[in-house]
PDB file of N, CA and C in Angstrom:
ATOM      1  N   MET A   1     108.495  44.985  83.319  1.00  0.00           N
ATOM      2  CA  MET A   1     109.467  46.761  84.382  1.00  0.00           C
ATOM      3  C   MET A   1     109.787  46.153  85.541  1.00  0.00           C
ATOM      4  N   MET A   2     110.733  46.733  86.081  1.00  0.00           N
ATOM      5  CA  MET A   2     111.523  46.734  87.497  1.00  0.00           C
ATOM      6  C   MET A   2     110.904  48.477  87.679  1.00  0.00           C
ATOM      7  N   MET A   3     110.883  48.518  88.761  1.00  0.00           N
ATOM      8  CA  MET A   3     111.176  49.940  88.802  1.00  0.00           C
ATOM      9  C   MET A   3     111.903  50.850  88.629  1.00  0.00           C
ATOM     10  N   SER A   4     113.019  50.001  88.838  1.00  0.00           N
ATOM     11  CA  SER A   4     114.432  51.202  88.595  1.00  0.00           C
ATOM     12  C   SER A   4     114.610  51.526  87.593  1.00  0.00           C
ATOM     13  N   GLU A   5     113.709  50.902  85.979  1.00  0.00           N
ATOM     14  CA  GLU A   5     113.648  51.615  85.564  1.00  0.00           C
ATOM     15  C   GLU A   5     112.884  52.380  84.454  1.00  0.00           C
ATOM     16  N   PHE A   6     110.998  52.035  85.140  1.00  0.00           N
ATOM     17  CA  PHE A   6     110.863  53.172  85.506  1.00  0.00           C
ATOM     18  C   PHE A   6     110.730  54.495  86.326  1.00  0.00           C
ATOM     19  N   ILE A   7     111.676  54.544  86.932  1.00  0.00           N
ATOM     20  CA  ILE A   7     111.540  55.742  87.704  1.00  0.00           C
ATOM     21  C   ILE A   7     113.176  56.447  86.495  1.00  0.00           C
ATOM     22  N   ALA A   8     114.162  55.579  86.262  1.00  0.00           N
ATOM     23  CA  ALA A   8     114.740  55.956  84.996  1.00  0.00           C
ATOM     24  C   ALA A   8     114.544  56.551  84.199  1.00  0.00           C
ATOM     25  N   ARG A   9     112.694  56.182  83.619  1.00  0.00           N
ATOM     26  CA  ARG A   9     112.085  57.061  82.766  1.00  0.00           C
ATOM     27  C   ARG A   9     111.642  57.563  82.606  1.00  0.00           C
ATOM     28  N   THR A  10     110.803  57.941  84.269  1.00  0.00           N
ATOM     29  CA  THR A  10     109.596  58.912  84.673  1.00  0.00           C
ATOM     30  C   THR A  10     110.377  60.025  85.942  1.00  0.00           C
ATOM     31  N   LYS A  11     111.328  59.554  85.544  1.00  0.00           N
ATOM     32  CA  LYS A  11     112.135  61.052  86.980  1.00  0.00           C
ATOM     33  C   LYS A  11     111.520  61.315  87.961  1.00  0.00           C
ATOM     34  N   PHE A  12     110.429  60.169  88.241  1.00  0.00           N
ATOM     35  CA  PHE A  12     109.703  59.894  89.678  1.00  0.00           C
ATOM     36  C   PHE A  12     109.839  58.528  90.382  1.00  0.00           C
ATOM     37  N   GLU A  13     110.011  58.487  92.003  1.00  0.00           N
ATOM     38  CA  GLU A  13     110.882  57.936  92.657  1.00  0.00           C
ATOM     39  C   GLU A  13     109.788  57.410  93.552  1.00  0.00           C
ATOM     40  N   PRO A  14     108.554  56.558  93.085  1.00  0.00           N
ATOM     41  CA  PRO A  14     107.740  55.897  94.002  1.00  0.00           C
ATOM     42  C   PRO A  14     107.131  55.063  95.336  1.00  0.00           C
ATOM     43  N   THR A  15     107.279  54.993  95.360  1.00  0.00           N
ATOM     44  CA  THR A  15     107.587  53.462  97.337  1.00  0.00           C
ATOM     45  C   THR A  15     106.790  52.302  96.675  1.00  0.00           C
ATOM     46  N   ALA A  16     107.351  51.146  97.255  1.00  0.00           N
ATOM     47  CA  ALA A  16     106.717  50.474  97.084  1.00  0.00           C
ATOM     48  C   ALA A  16     105.491  50.153  96.852  1.00  0.00           C
ATOM     49  N   GLU A  17     104.967  50.304  97.605  1.00  0.00           N
ATOM     50  CA  GLU A  17     102.960  50.596  97.843  1.00  0.00           C
ATOM     51  C   GLU A  17     103.080  50.431  96.596  1.00  0.00           C
ATOM     52  N   GLU A  18     103.332  52.539  96.249  1.00  0.00           N
ATOM     53  CA  GLU A  18     102.785  52.765  94.795  1.00  0.00           C
ATOM     54  C   GLU A  18     103.349  52.155  93.600  1.00  0.00           C
ATOM     55  N   TYR A  19     104.568  51.769  93.333  1.00  0.00           N
ATOM     56  CA  TYR A  19     105.122  50.432  92.310  1.00  0.00           C
ATOM     57  C   TYR A  19     104.335  49.145  91.917  1.00  0.00           C
ATOM     58  N   GLN A  20     103.690  48.871  93.053  1.00  0.00           N
ATOM     59  CA  GLN A  20     101.931  47.813  93.002  1.00  0.00           C
ATOM     60  C   GLN A  20     101.513  48.433  91.946  1.00  0.00           C
ATOM     61  N   LYS A  21     100.838  49.383  92.859  1.00  0.00           N
ATOM     62  CA  LYS A  21      99.861  49.499  91.571  1.00  0.00           C
ATOM     63  C   LYS A  21     100.114  50.042  90.528  1.00  0.00           C
ATOM     64  N   ILE A  22     101.345  50.865  90.176  1.00  0.00           N
ATOM     65  CA  ILE A  22     101.776  51.741  88.990  1.00  0.00           C
ATOM     66  C   ILE A  22     101.926  50.065  87.534  1.00  0.00           C
ATOM     67  N   GLU A  23     102.419  49.092  88.715  1.00  0.00           N
ATOM     68  CA  GLU A  23     102.886  47.605  87.499  1.00  0.00           C
ATOM     69  C   GLU A  23     101.426  47.092  87.472  1.00  0.00           C
ATOM     70  N   GLU A  24     100.522  47.148  88.116  1.00  0.00           N
ATOM     71  CA  GLU A  24      99.375  46.632  87.803  1.00  0.00           C
ATOM     72  C   GLU A  24      98.575  46.927  86.304  1.00  0.00           C
ATOM     73  N   GLN A  25      98.768  49.028  86.173  1.00  0.00           N
ATOM     74  CA  GLN A  25      98.606  49.292  85.042  1.00  0.00           C
ATOM     75  C   GLN A  25      99.138  49.195  84.368  1.00  0.00           C
ATOM     76  N   TYR A  26     100.769  49.351  84.232  1.00  0.00           N
ATOM     77  CA  TYR A  26     101.538  48.426  83.516  1.00  0.00           C
ATOM     78  C   TYR A  26     101.501  47.593  82.711  1.00  0.00           C
ATOM     79  N   TYR A  27     100.606  46.231  83.201  1.00  0.00           N
ATOM     80  CA  TYR A  27     100.084  44.769  82.884  1.00  0.00           C
ATOM     81  C   TYR A  27      99.269  45.228  81.518  1.00  0.00           C
ATOM     82  N   GLN A  28      98.647  45.842  82.453  1.00  0.00           N
ATOM     83  CA  GLN A  28      96.987  46.006  81.500  1.00  0.00           C
ATOM     84  C   GLN A  28      97.169  47.540  80.445  1.00  0.00           C
ATOM     85  N   PHE A  29      98.481  47.481  80.405  1.00  0.00           N
ATOM     86  CA  PHE A  29      98.587  48.544  79.258  1.00  0.00           C
ATOM     87  C   PHE A  29      98.973  47.938  77.639  1.00  0.00           C
ATOM     88  N   GLU A  30      98.467  47.972  76.937  1.00  0.00           N
ATOM     89  CA  GLU A  30      99.209  48.042  75.131  1.00  0.00           C
ATOM     90  C   GLU A  30     100.061  48.582  74.867  1.00  0.00           C
ATOM     91  N   GLY A  31     101.410  48.209  74.865  1.00  0.00           N
ATOM     92  CA  GLY A  31     102.516  49.470  74.609  1.00  0.00           C
ATOM     93  C   GLY A  31     103.702  48.975  75.460  1.00  0.00           C
ATOM     94  N   ASN A  32     104.261  49.832  74.507  1.00  0.00           N
ATOM     95  CA  ASN A  32     105.809  49.082  75.702  1.00  0.00           C
ATOM     96  C   ASN A  32     106.125  49.795  77.468  1.00  0.00           C
ATOM     97  N   LYS A  33     107.399  49.517  77.755  1.00  0.00           N
ATOM     98  CA  LYS A  33     107.844  50.396  78.398  1.00  0.00           C
ATOM     99  C   LYS A  33     107.571  52.094  78.371  1.00  0.00           C
ATOM    100  N   ASP A  34     108.575  52.581  77.417  1.00  0.00           N
ATOM    101  CA  ASP A  34     108.660  54.129  77.092  1.00  0.00           C
ATOM    102  C   ASP A  34     106.697  54.314  76.918  1.00  0.00           C
ATOM    103  N   LYS A  35     106.227  53.847  76.388  1.00  0.00           N
ATOM    104  CA  LYS A  35     104.645  54.165  75.671  1.00  0.00           C
ATOM    105  C   LYS A  35     104.341  53.737  76.814  1.00  0.00           C
ATOM    106  N   PHE A  36     104.878  53.065  78.278  1.00  0.00           N
ATOM    107  CA  PHE A  36     103.381  53.103  79.243  1.00  0.00           C
ATOM    108  C   PHE A  36     103.907  54.400  79.868  1.00  0.00           C
ATOM    109  N   CYS A  37     105.360  54.424  80.554  1.00  0.00           N
ATOM    110  CA  CYS A  37     105.774  55.952  81.324  1.00  0.00           C
ATOM    111  C   CYS A  37     105.738  57.343  80.226  1.00  0.00           C
ATOM    112  N   ARG A  38     105.477  57.663  79.730  1.00  0.00           N
ATOM    113  CA  ARG A  38     105.204  58.408  78.329  1.00  0.00           C
ATOM    114  C   ARG A  38     103.914  58.598  79.242  1.00  0.00           C
ATOM    115  N   SER A  39     102.535  58.219  79.096  1.00  0.00           N
ATOM    116  CA  SER A  39     101.165  58.061  79.248  1.00  0.00           C
ATOM    117  C   SER A  39     100.777  58.384  80.242  1.00  0.00           C
ATOM    118  N   TRP A  40     101.597  57.360  81.393  1.00  0.00           N
ATOM    119  CA  TRP A  40     101.638  58.128  82.970  1.00  0.00           C
ATOM    120  C   TRP A  40     101.801  58.649  83.424  1.00  0.00           C
ATOM    121  N   VAL A  41     103.312  59.827  83.168  1.00  0.00           N
ATOM    122  CA  VAL A  41     102.998  61.022  83.442  1.00  0.00           C
ATOM    123  C   VAL A  41     102.134  61.870  82.630  1.00  0.00           C
ATOM    124  N   ARG A  42     102.383  61.901  81.628  1.00  0.00           N
ATOM    125  CA  ARG A  42     101.341  62.907  80.394  1.00  0.00           C
ATOM    126  C   ARG A  42      99.735  62.877  81.451  1.00  0.00           C
ATOM    127  N   HIS A  43      98.978  61.644  81.661  1.00  0.00           N
ATOM    128  CA  HIS A  43      98.226  61.355  82.025  1.00  0.00           C
ATOM    129  C   HIS A  43      98.303  61.943  83.562  1.00  0.00           C
ATOM    130  N   GLY A  44      98.701  62.697  84.082  1.00  0.00           N
ATOM    131  CA  GLY A  44      99.104  63.151  85.947  1.00  0.00           C
ATOM    132  C   GLY A  44      99.438  62.729  86.473  1.00  0.00           C
ATOM    133  N   GLY A  45     100.180  61.132  86.376  1.00  0.00           N
ATOM    134  CA  GLY A  45     100.152  60.254  87.263  1.00  0.00           C
ATOM    135  C   GLY A  45     100.873  60.315  88.401  1.00  0.00           C
ATOM    136  N   ILE A  46     102.341  61.184  87.676  1.00  0.00           N
ATOM    137  CA  ILE A  46     102.895  62.353  89.009  1.00  0.00           C
ATOM    138  C   ILE A  46     101.576  62.647  90.405  1.00  0.00           C
ATOM    139  N   GLN A  47     100.975  63.803  89.616  1.00  0.00           N
ATOM    140  CA  GLN A  47     100.041  64.961  90.172  1.00  0.00           C
ATOM    141  C   GLN A  47      99.309  63.689  91.190  1.00  0.00           C
ATOM    142  N   ARG A  48      98.965  62.533  90.428  1.00  0.00           N
ATOM    143  CA  ARG A  48      97.997  61.964  90.846  1.00  0.00           C
ATOM    144  C   ARG A  48      98.476  61.390  92.757  1.00  0.00           C
ATOM    145  N   LEU A  49      99.591  60.642  92.486  1.00  0.00           N
ATOM    146  CA  LEU A  49     100.538  60.077  93.313  1.00  0.00           C
ATOM    147  C   LEU A  49     100.603  60.808  94.400  1.00  0.00           C
ATOM    148  N   SER A  50     101.115  62.327  94.201  1.00  0.00           N
ATOM    149  CA  SER A  50     101.518  63.327  94.465  1.00  0.00           C
ATOM    150  C   SER A  50     100.500  63.941  96.043  1.00  0.00           C
ATOM    151  N   ARG A  51      99.154  64.059  94.929  1.00  0.00           N
ATOM    152  CA  ARG A  51      98.281  64.205  95.954  1.00  0.00           C
ATOM    153  C   ARG A  51      97.530  63.168  97.313  1.00  0.00           C
ATOM    154  N   GLU A  52      98.067  62.002  96.440  1.00  0.00           N
ATOM    155  CA  GLU A  52      97.625  60.569  97.586  1.00  0.00           C
ATOM    156  C   GLU A  52      97.949  60.764  99.203  1.00  0.00           C
ATOM    157  N   ARG A  53     100.093  60.709  98.088  1.00  0.00           N
ATOM    158  CA  ARG A  53     100.800  61.083  99.549  1.00  0.00           C
ATOM    159  C   ARG A  53     100.241  62.124 100.571  1.00  0.00           C
ATOM    160  N   VAL A  54      99.617  63.341  99.945  1.00  0.00           N
ATOM    161  CA  VAL A  54      99.197  64.348 100.880  1.00  0.00           C
ATOM    162  C   VAL A  54      98.631  63.694 101.721  1.00  0.00           C
ATOM    163  N   ARG A  55      97.900  63.466 101.389  1.00  0.00           N
ATOM    164  CA  ARG A  55      95.495  62.813 102.438  1.00  0.00           C
ATOM    165  C   ARG A  55      96.146  61.741 103.304  1.00  0.00           C
ATOM    166  N   LYS A  56      97.944  61.463 102.048  1.00  0.00           N
ATOM    167  CA  LYS A  56      98.424  60.117 103.821  1.00  0.00           C
ATOM    168  C   LYS A  56      98.437  60.689 104.242  1.00  0.00           C
ATOM    169  N   ILE A  57      99.525  61.656 104.291  1.00  0.00           N
ATOM    170  CA  ILE A  57     100.687  62.011 105.612  1.00  0.00           C
ATOM    171  C   ILE A  57      99.937  62.729 106.513  1.00  0.00           C
ATOM    172  N   GLU A  58      98.583  63.747 106.001  1.00  0.00           N
ATOM    173  CA  GLU A  58      97.078  64.751 106.670  1.00  0.00           C
ATOM    174  C   GLU A  58      96.810  63.361 107.316  1.00  0.00           C
ATOM    175  N   ALA A  59      95.985  62.376 106.939  1.00  0.00           N
ATOM    176  CA  ALA A  59      95.969  61.407 108.265  1.00  0.00           C
ATOM    177  C   ALA A  59      96.621  60.891 108.902  1.00  0.00           C
ATOM    178  N   LEU A  60      97.699  60.602 108.819  1.00  0.00           N
ATOM    179  CA  LEU A  60      98.780  60.048 109.627  1.00  0.00           C
ATOM    180  C   LEU A  60      98.277  61.596 110.760  1.00  0.00           C
ATOM    181  N   GLN A  61      98.439  62.898 110.306  1.00  0.00           N
ATOM    182  CA  GLN A  61      99.506  63.024 111.246  1.00  0.00           C
ATOM    183  C   GLN A  61      97.948  63.747 112.380  1.00  0.00           C
ATOM    184  N   LYS A  62      97.088  63.269 111.572  1.00  0.00           N
ATOM    185  CA  LYS A  62      95.417  63.805 112.276  1.00  0.00           C
ATOM    186  C   LYS A  62      95.570  62.665 113.444  1.00  0.00           C
ATOM    187  N   GLN A  63      95.996  61.144 113.118  1.00  0.00           N
ATOM    188  CA  GLN A  63      96.070  60.080 113.630  1.00  0.00           C
ATOM    189  C   GLN A  63      98.019  60.865 115.025  1.00  0.00           C
ATOM    190  N   LEU A  64      98.449  61.676 114.335  1.00  0.00           N
ATOM    191  CA  LEU A  64      98.974  61.504 115.069  1.00  0.00           C
ATOM    192  C   LEU A  64      98.345  62.818 116.172  1.00  0.00           C
ATOM    193  N   GLU A  65      97.945  63.475 115.860  1.00  0.00           N
ATOM    194  CA  GLU A  65      97.268  64.456 116.921  1.00  0.00           C
ATOM    195  C   GLU A  65      96.252  64.142 118.173  1.00  0.00           C
ATOM    196  N   LYS A  66      95.677  62.855 117.236  1.00  0.00           N
ATOM    197  CA  LYS A  66      94.684  62.340 118.701  1.00  0.00           C
ATOM    198  C   LYS A  66      95.330  61.573 119.437  1.00  0.00           C
ATOM    199  N   MET A  67      97.019  60.795 118.925  1.00  0.00           N
ATOM    200  CA  MET A  67      97.283  59.834 120.059  1.00  0.00           C
ATOM    201  C   MET A  67      97.935  60.733 120.916  1.00  0.00           C
ATOM    202  N   GLN A  68      98.755  62.071 120.491  1.00  0.00           N
ATOM    203  CA  GLN A  68      98.911  62.487 121.830  1.00  0.00           C
ATOM    204  C   GLN A  68      97.973  63.125 122.291  1.00  0.00           C
ATOM    205  N   LYS A  69      96.663  63.764 122.256  1.00  0.00           N
ATOM    206  CA  LYS A  69      96.146  63.983 122.773  1.00  0.00           C
ATOM    207  C   LYS A  69      95.645  62.967 123.857  1.00  0.00           C
ATOM    208  N   THR A  70      95.489  61.585 123.348  1.00  0.00           N
ATOM    209  CA  THR A  70      95.403  60.884 124.921  1.00  0.00           C
ATOM    210  C   THR A  70      96.157  60.044 125.560  1.00  0.00           C
ATOM    211  N   TYR A  71      97.727  60.887 124.551  1.00  0.00           N
ATOM    212  CA  TYR A  71      98.907  60.253 125.778  1.00  0.00           C
ATOM    213  C   TYR A  71      99.071  61.603 126.680  1.00  0.00           C
ATOM    214  N   ASN A  72      98.553  62.759 126.143  1.00  0.00           N
ATOM    215  CA  ASN A  72      98.560  64.286 127.891  1.00  0.00           C
ATOM    216  C   ASN A  72      97.548  63.843 128.463  1.00  0.00           C
ATOM    217  N   GLU A  73      96.682  62.973 127.763  1.00  0.00           N
ATOM    218  CA  GLU A  73      95.142  62.694 128.970  1.00  0.00           C
ATOM    219  C   GLU A  73      95.339  61.796 130.360  1.00  0.00           C
ATOM    220  N   ASP A  74      96.612  60.848 129.259  1.00  0.00           N
ATOM    221  CA  ASP A  74      96.629  59.318 130.309  1.00  0.00           C
ATOM    222  C   ASP A  74      97.548  59.976 131.326  1.00  0.00           C
ATOM    223  N   MET A  75      98.910  60.654 130.520  1.00  0.00           N
ATOM    224  CA  MET A  75      99.497  61.283 131.545  1.00  0.00           C
ATOM    225  C   MET A  75      98.765  61.990 132.879  1.00  0.00           C
ATOM    226  N   LYS A  76      98.517  62.955 132.051  1.00  0.00           N
ATOM    227  CA  LYS A  76      97.098  63.439 133.729  1.00  0.00           C
ATOM    228  C   LYS A  76      96.435  62.708 134.388  1.00  0.00           C
ATOM    229  N   PHE A  77      95.607  61.648 134.005  1.00  0.00           N
ATOM    230  CA  PHE A  77      95.132  60.986 134.898  1.00  0.00           C
ATOM    231  C   PHE A  77      96.815  60.231 135.826  1.00  0.00           C
ATOM    232  N   TYR A  78      97.170  59.355 135.408  1.00  0.00           N
ATOM    233  CA  TYR A  78      98.340  58.734 136.109  1.00  0.00           C
ATOM    234  C   TYR A  78      98.937  59.822 136.880  1.00  0.00           C
ATOM    235  N   GLU A  79      99.257  60.763 136.478  1.00  0.00           N
ATOM    236  CA  GLU A  79      99.603  61.283 137.414  1.00  0.00           C
ATOM    237  C   GLU A  79     100.010  62.324 137.842  1.00  0.00           C
ATOM    238  N   ASP A  80      98.002  62.482 138.050  1.00  0.00           N
ATOM    239  CA  ASP A  80      96.863  63.219 139.037  1.00  0.00           C
ATOM    240  C   ASP A  80      96.570  62.009 140.192  1.00  0.00           C
ATOM    241  N   ARG A  81      96.854  60.763 139.907  1.00  0.00           N
ATOM    242  CA  ARG A  81      96.595  59.337 140.372  1.00  0.00           C
ATOM    243  C   ARG A  81      97.919  59.613 141.342  1.00  0.00           C
ATOM    244  N   GLU A  82      99.004  59.602 141.126  1.00  0.00           N
ATOM    245  CA  GLU A  82     100.210  59.392 141.586  1.00  0.00           C
ATOM    246  C   GLU A  82     100.423  60.452 143.547  1.00  0.00           C
ATOM    247  N   ALA A  83      99.910  61.079 142.711  1.00  0.00           N
ATOM    248  CA  ALA A  83      99.682  62.858 144.340  1.00  0.00           C
ATOM    249  C   ALA A  83      98.534  62.409 144.960  1.00  0.00           C
ATOM    250  N   ARG A  84      97.415  61.714 144.355  1.00  0.00           N
ATOM    251  CA  ARG A  84      96.461  61.456 145.462  1.00  0.00           C
ATOM    252  C   ARG A  84      97.164  60.054 146.510  1.00  0.00           C
ATOM    253  N   LEU A  85      97.880  59.466 146.010  1.00  0.00           N
ATOM    254  CA  LEU A  85      97.952  58.202 146.282  1.00  0.00           C
ATOM    255  C   LEU A  85      99.796  58.026 147.603  1.00  0.00           C
ATOM    256  N   ARG A  86     100.027  59.501 146.752  1.00  0.00           N
ATOM    257  CA  ARG A  86     101.596  60.205 147.168  1.00  0.00           C
ATOM    258  C   ARG A  86     100.996  60.368 148.789  1.00  0.00           C
ATOM    259  N   GLU A  87      99.591  61.452 148.003  1.00  0.00           N
ATOM    260  CA  GLU A  87      99.282  62.011 149.371  1.00  0.00           C
ATOM    261  C   GLU A  87      98.580  61.116 150.706  1.00  0.00           C
ATOM    262  N   GLN A  88      97.749  59.309 150.468  1.00  0.00           N
ATOM    263  CA  GLN A  88      97.772  58.714 151.074  1.00  0.00           C
ATOM    264  C   GLN A  88      98.736  58.457 152.211  1.00  0.00           C
ATOM    265  N   LEU A  89      99.580  57.992 150.889  1.00  0.00           N
ATOM    266  CA  LEU A  89     100.768  57.449 152.146  1.00  0.00           C
ATOM    267  C   LEU A  89     101.399  58.056 153.183  1.00  0.00           C
ATOM    268  N   ASN A  90     101.243  59.532 152.619  1.00  0.00           N
ATOM    269  CA  ASN A  90     102.239  60.387 153.063  1.00  0.00           C
ATOM    270  C   ASN A  90     100.944  60.700 154.678  1.00  0.00           C
ATOM    271  N   SER A  91     100.085  61.020 154.609  1.00  0.00           N
ATOM    272  CA  SER A  91      99.497  61.010 155.742  1.00  0.00           C
ATOM    273  C   SER A  91      98.803  59.932 156.358  1.00  0.00           C
ATOM    274  N   THR A  92      99.299  58.391 155.041  1.00  0.00           N
ATOM    275  CA  THR A  92      99.581  57.166 156.464  1.00  0.00           C
ATOM    276  C   THR A  92     100.384  56.807 157.214  1.00  0.00           C
ATOM    277  N   ARG A  93     101.915  57.594 156.927  1.00  0.00           N
ATOM    278  CA  ARG A  93     102.368  57.727 157.658  1.00  0.00           C
ATOM    279  C   ARG A  93     102.598  58.804 158.471  1.00  0.00           C
ATOM    280  N   ALA A  94     101.824  59.790 158.553  1.00  0.00           N
ATOM    281  CA  ALA A  94     102.213  60.516 160.224  1.00  0.00           C
ATOM    282  C   ALA A  94     101.107  60.185 160.389  1.00  0.00           C
ATOM    283  N   GLU A  95      99.988  59.556 160.499  1.00  0.00           N
ATOM    284  CA  GLU A  95      98.891  58.609 161.440  1.00  0.00           C
ATOM    285  C   GLU A  95      99.978  58.072 162.001  1.00  0.00           C
ATOM    286  N   LYS A  96     100.397  56.594 161.764  1.00  0.00           N
ATOM    287  CA  LYS A  96     101.600  55.383 161.653  1.00  0.00           C
ATOM    288  C   LYS A  96     102.865  56.643 163.379  1.00  0.00           C
ATOM    289  N   LYS A  97     103.278  57.322 162.572  1.00  0.00           N
ATOM    290  CA  LYS A  97     104.497  57.796 163.409  1.00  0.00           C
ATOM    291  C   LYS A  97     103.750  58.976 164.680  1.00  0.00           C
ATOM    292  N   ALA A  98     102.370  59.311 164.697  1.00  0.00           N
ATOM    293  CA  ALA A  98     101.979  60.056 165.328  1.00  0.00           C
ATOM    294  C   ALA A  98     101.614  58.629 167.033  1.00  0.00           C
ATOM    295  N   ALA A  99     100.489  57.835 166.058  1.00  0.00           N
ATOM    296  CA  ALA A  99     100.433  56.430 166.993  1.00  0.00           C
ATOM    297  C   ALA A  99     101.858  55.829 167.545  1.00  0.00           C
ATOM    298  N   LEU A 100     102.888  55.648 166.954  1.00  0.00           N
ATOM    299  CA  LEU A 100     104.283  55.665 167.671  1.00  0.00           C
ATOM    300  C   LEU A 100     104.886  56.154 168.440  1.00  0.00           C
ATOM    301  N   ASP A 101     104.390  57.648 168.592  1.00  0.00           N
ATOM    302  CA  ASP A 101     104.874  58.375 168.854  1.00  0.00           C
ATOM    303  C   ASP A 101     104.065  58.009 170.366  1.00  0.00           C
ATOM    304  N   LYS A 102     103.063  58.120 170.194  1.00  0.00           N
ATOM    305  CA  LYS A 102     102.012  58.059 171.520  1.00  0.00           C
ATOM    306  C   LYS A 102     102.186  56.602 172.157  1.00  0.00           C
ATOM    307  N   LEU A 103     102.241  55.923 171.466  1.00  0.00           N
ATOM    308  CA  LEU A 103     103.228  54.616 172.166  1.00  0.00           C
ATOM    309  C   LEU A 103     104.064  54.638 173.504  1.00  0.00           C
ATOM    310  N   SER A 104     105.161  55.855 172.725  1.00  0.00           N
ATOM    311  CA  SER A 104     106.417  55.274 173.121  1.00  0.00           C
ATOM    312  C   SER A 104     106.722  56.962 174.185  1.00  0.00           C
ATOM    313  N   ALA A 105     105.207  57.642 174.193  1.00  0.00           N
ATOM    314  CA  ALA A 105     104.865  58.703 175.971  1.00  0.00           C
ATOM    315  C   ALA A 105     104.333  57.657 176.895  1.00  0.00           C
ATOM    316  N   ILE A 106     103.930  56.530 176.339  1.00  0.00           N
ATOM    317  CA  ILE A 106     103.100  56.181 177.595  1.00  0.00           C
ATOM    318  C   ILE A 106     103.824  54.661 177.805  1.00  0.00           C
ATOM    319  N   ARG A 107     104.793  54.240 177.035  1.00  0.00           N
ATOM    320  CA  ARG A 107     106.107  53.738 177.256  1.00  0.00           C
ATOM    321  C   ARG A 107     107.129  54.570 178.215  1.00  0.00           C
ATOM    322  N   SER A 108     107.384  55.662 178.219  1.00  0.00           N
ATOM    323  CA  SER A 108     107.552  56.104 179.281  1.00  0.00           C
ATOM    324  C   SER A 108     107.003  57.004 179.737  1.00  0.00           C
ATOM    325  N   ALA A 109     105.709  56.815 180.504  1.00  0.00           N
ATOM    326  CA  ALA A 109     105.426  57.151 181.672  1.00  0.00           C
ATOM    327  C   ALA A 109     104.735  56.378 182.677  1.00  0.00           C
ATOM    328  N   LEU A 110     104.828  54.916 182.007  1.00  0.00           N
ATOM    329  CA  LEU A 110     104.499  53.623 182.619  1.00  0.00           C
ATOM    330  C   LEU A 110     106.393  52.971 183.293  1.00  0.00           C
ATOM    331  N   ASN A 111     107.236  53.711 182.446  1.00  0.00           N
ATOM    332  CA  ASN A 111     108.893  53.078 183.836  1.00  0.00           C
ATOM    333  C   ASN A 111     109.369  54.364 184.733  1.00  0.00           C
TER     334      ASN A 111
END
């Protein structure tokens, strides 16, 4: 049975991955396409796949939340690091400027 035939008979559109599992069930079913589809619907096929989809969505949401938390922690780390490096750079620049000003003052005094 083709996926389009399954959809037409059940009015339910599975994903390609879901349909592969349905097709395996169909090959083990003793009966024609119409009987299989009626049996699949009657025995909770739509509800079962809907529950699986909900579980998968919830798992993906948890994974996304975890990734967002990690991203936020990484961003904070790198923003803090950037701030420290900028501070060091500004401090080094100030020290160099002070040294150059001192050198310039010494040169002026010698002339």
